[in-house]
Amino acid sequence: MSRSLKKGPYTDPKLLKKVSNQKQEEGKIIKTWSRASVITPEMVGFTFGVHNGKDHINVPVVENMVGHRLGEFSPTRKFVSHGGKMAKTQAKGK
C-alpha cells in the first residue's frame, strides 16, 4: 500500500541529515539500516551502504533510482544454485 500523497515520500530524517552534511566529492559510503527510505533527488551521486540483514551492500544512487526505495537495491536473499552432483558435473563440462 502506497503512502498518502498529502504526506509525501518517507525518508529517514537521520539519513537526510547525513546526506546534507556530506559532499559528493568525498566519496564516502553512508551506512544506513533504513531500507524503507525513498530515494530523493538530493541523494543522487552518493553511495549508500544499505543493510540487508547481514552486512551492508554498496548502492551508488543514479537519477533513474529517484522515487524507489533503498531496500529495492539491496537483496536480502542469496540464491544458491539448484541441483547436486549432476549440476556440478554439467557446470564443469561447459
C-alpha atoms as a PDB file:
ATOM      1  CA  MET A   1       0.000   0.000   0.000  1.00  0.00           C
ATOM      2  CA  SER A   2       1.484   3.327  -1.004  1.00  0.00           C
ATOM      3  CA  ARG A   3       1.834   6.339   1.236  1.00  0.00           C
ATOM      4  CA  SER A   4      -0.758   9.140   1.086  1.00  0.00           C
ATOM      5  CA  LEU A   5       0.057  11.860  -1.447  1.00  0.00           C
ATOM      6  CA  LYS A   6      -0.583  14.627   1.086  1.00  0.00           C
ATOM      7  CA  LYS A   7       2.091  13.145   3.377  1.00  0.00           C
ATOM      8  CA  GLY A   8       4.708  12.824   0.647  1.00  0.00           C
ATOM      9  CA  PRO A   9       7.506  10.253   0.370  1.00  0.00           C
ATOM     10  CA  TYR A  10       9.097   8.953   3.577  1.00  0.00           C
ATOM     11  CA  THR A  11      12.820   9.412   4.007  1.00  0.00           C
ATOM     12  CA  ASP A  12      14.511   8.875   7.347  1.00  0.00           C
ATOM     13  CA  PRO A  13      15.404  12.310   8.852  1.00  0.00           C
ATOM     14  CA  LYS A  14      18.755  10.968  10.094  1.00  0.00           C
ATOM     15  CA  LEU A  15      19.611   9.852   6.568  1.00  0.00           C
ATOM     16  CA  LEU A  16      18.743  13.256   5.097  1.00  0.00           C
ATOM     17  CA  LYS A  17      20.948  14.894   7.730  1.00  0.00           C
ATOM     18  CA  LYS A  18      23.874  12.622   6.814  1.00  0.00           C
ATOM     19  CA  VAL A  19      23.424  13.475   3.124  1.00  0.00           C
ATOM     20  CA  SER A  20      23.289  17.233   3.755  1.00  0.00           C
ATOM     21  CA  ASN A  21      26.425  17.135   5.928  1.00  0.00           C
ATOM     22  CA  GLN A  22      28.486  15.274   3.331  1.00  0.00           C
ATOM     23  CA  LYS A  23      29.843  16.471  -0.004  1.00  0.00           C
ATOM     24  CA  GLN A  24      29.604  14.323  -3.162  1.00  0.00           C
ATOM     25  CA  GLU A  25      33.310  14.714  -3.871  1.00  0.00           C
ATOM     26  CA  GLU A  26      34.299  12.922  -0.655  1.00  0.00           C
ATOM     27  CA  GLY A  27      33.148   9.554  -1.976  1.00  0.00           C
ATOM     28  CA  LYS A  28      32.456   8.160   1.497  1.00  0.00           C
ATOM     29  CA  ILE A  29      29.843   5.469   1.933  1.00  0.00           C
ATOM     30  CA  ILE A  30      26.813   6.454   4.009  1.00  0.00           C
ATOM     31  CA  LYS A  31      25.731   3.425   6.051  1.00  0.00           C
ATOM     32  CA  THR A  32      22.023   3.020   6.703  1.00  0.00           C
ATOM     33  CA  TRP A  33      19.583   0.493   8.072  1.00  0.00           C
ATOM     34  CA  SER A  34      16.612   2.417   6.687  1.00  0.00           C
ATOM     35  CA  ARG A  35      15.605   0.251   3.727  1.00  0.00           C
ATOM     36  CA  ALA A  36      12.141   1.880   3.585  1.00  0.00           C
ATOM     37  CA  SER A  37      13.505   5.353   2.800  1.00  0.00           C
ATOM     38  CA  VAL A  38      12.577   6.745  -0.607  1.00  0.00           C
ATOM     39  CA  ILE A  39      15.454   7.999  -2.758  1.00  0.00           C
ATOM     40  CA  THR A  40      15.191  11.771  -3.280  1.00  0.00           C
ATOM     41  CA  PRO A  41      16.965  13.961  -5.875  1.00  0.00           C
ATOM     42  CA  GLU A  42      19.382  15.239  -3.175  1.00  0.00           C
ATOM     43  CA  MET A  43      20.756  11.683  -2.821  1.00  0.00           C
ATOM     44  CA  VAL A  44      21.868  11.351  -6.460  1.00  0.00           C
ATOM     45  CA  GLY A  45      25.631  10.888  -6.715  1.00  0.00           C
ATOM     46  CA  PHE A  46      26.112   9.427  -3.232  1.00  0.00           C
ATOM     47  CA  THR A  47      26.898   5.823  -2.356  1.00  0.00           C
ATOM     48  CA  PHE A  48      24.865   4.198   0.404  1.00  0.00           C
ATOM     49  CA  GLY A  49      25.703   1.086   2.375  1.00  0.00           C
ATOM     50  CA  VAL A  50      22.235  -0.458   2.680  1.00  0.00           C
ATOM     51  CA  HIS A  51      21.887  -3.183   5.316  1.00  0.00           C
ATOM     52  CA  ASN A  52      20.427  -6.455   4.046  1.00  0.00           C
ATOM     53  CA  GLY A  53      20.157  -8.197   7.411  1.00  0.00           C
ATOM     54  CA  LYS A  54      23.718  -9.481   7.457  1.00  0.00           C
ATOM     55  CA  ASP A  55      26.020  -6.811   6.040  1.00  0.00           C
ATOM     56  CA  HIS A  56      25.949  -3.529   4.114  1.00  0.00           C
ATOM     57  CA  ILE A  57      25.692  -3.622   0.323  1.00  0.00           C
ATOM     58  CA  ASN A  58      27.051  -0.600  -1.558  1.00  0.00           C
ATOM     59  CA  VAL A  59      24.382   1.118  -3.654  1.00  0.00           C
ATOM     60  CA  PRO A  60      25.553   4.015  -5.868  1.00  0.00           C
ATOM     61  CA  VAL A  61      22.500   6.227  -6.494  1.00  0.00           C
ATOM     62  CA  VAL A  62      21.800   7.459 -10.041  1.00  0.00           C
ATOM     63  CA  GLU A  63      18.938   9.564 -11.458  1.00  0.00           C
ATOM     64  CA  ASN A  64      16.813   6.586 -12.516  1.00  0.00           C
ATOM     65  CA  MET A  65      16.533   5.451  -8.879  1.00  0.00           C
ATOM     66  CA  VAL A  66      14.680   8.564  -7.658  1.00  0.00           C
ATOM     67  CA  GLY A  67      11.304   7.565  -6.243  1.00  0.00           C
ATOM     68  CA  HIS A  68      12.346   3.989  -5.463  1.00  0.00           C
ATOM     69  CA  ARG A  69      13.218   2.667  -2.011  1.00  0.00           C
ATOM     70  CA  LEU A  70      16.776   1.910  -0.878  1.00  0.00           C
ATOM     71  CA  GLY A  71      15.850  -1.659   0.029  1.00  0.00           C
ATOM     72  CA  GLU A  72      14.999  -2.484  -3.582  1.00  0.00           C
ATOM     73  CA  PHE A  73      18.687  -2.382  -4.495  1.00  0.00           C
ATOM     74  CA  SER A  74      19.954  -4.492  -1.600  1.00  0.00           C
ATOM     75  CA  PRO A  75      18.656  -8.076  -1.915  1.00  0.00           C
ATOM     76  CA  THR A  76      18.076  -9.914   1.357  1.00  0.00           C
ATOM     77  CA  ARG A  77      18.208 -13.441  -0.033  1.00  0.00           C
ATOM     78  CA  LYS A  78      21.146 -15.142  -1.717  1.00  0.00           C
ATOM     79  CA  PHE A  79      20.396 -17.640  -4.478  1.00  0.00           C
ATOM     80  CA  VAL A  80      22.178 -20.947  -4.122  1.00  0.00           C
ATOM     81  CA  SER A  81      22.071 -22.939  -7.352  1.00  0.00           C
ATOM     82  CA  HIS A  82      19.747 -25.885  -7.826  1.00  0.00           C
ATOM     83  CA  GLY A  83      20.877 -29.452  -8.297  1.00  0.00           C
ATOM     84  CA  GLY A  84      23.596 -31.530  -6.741  1.00  0.00           C
ATOM     85  CA  LYS A  85      26.285 -33.745  -8.229  1.00  0.00           C
ATOM     86  CA  MET A  86      24.674 -33.767 -11.651  1.00  0.00           C
ATOM     87  CA  ALA A  87      24.545 -29.973 -11.885  1.00  0.00           C
ATOM     88  CA  LYS A  88      28.199 -29.716 -10.754  1.00  0.00           C
ATOM     89  CA  THR A  89      29.393 -32.125 -13.446  1.00  0.00           C
ATOM     90  CA  GLN A  90      27.457 -30.241 -16.129  1.00  0.00           C
ATOM     91  CA  ALA A  91      28.948 -26.940 -14.969  1.00  0.00           C
ATOM     92  CA  LYS A  92      32.469 -28.380 -15.163  1.00  0.00           C
ATOM     93  CA  GLY A  93      31.812 -29.695 -18.676  1.00  0.00           C
ATOM     94  CA  LYS A  94      30.978 -26.233 -20.063  1.00  0.00           C
END
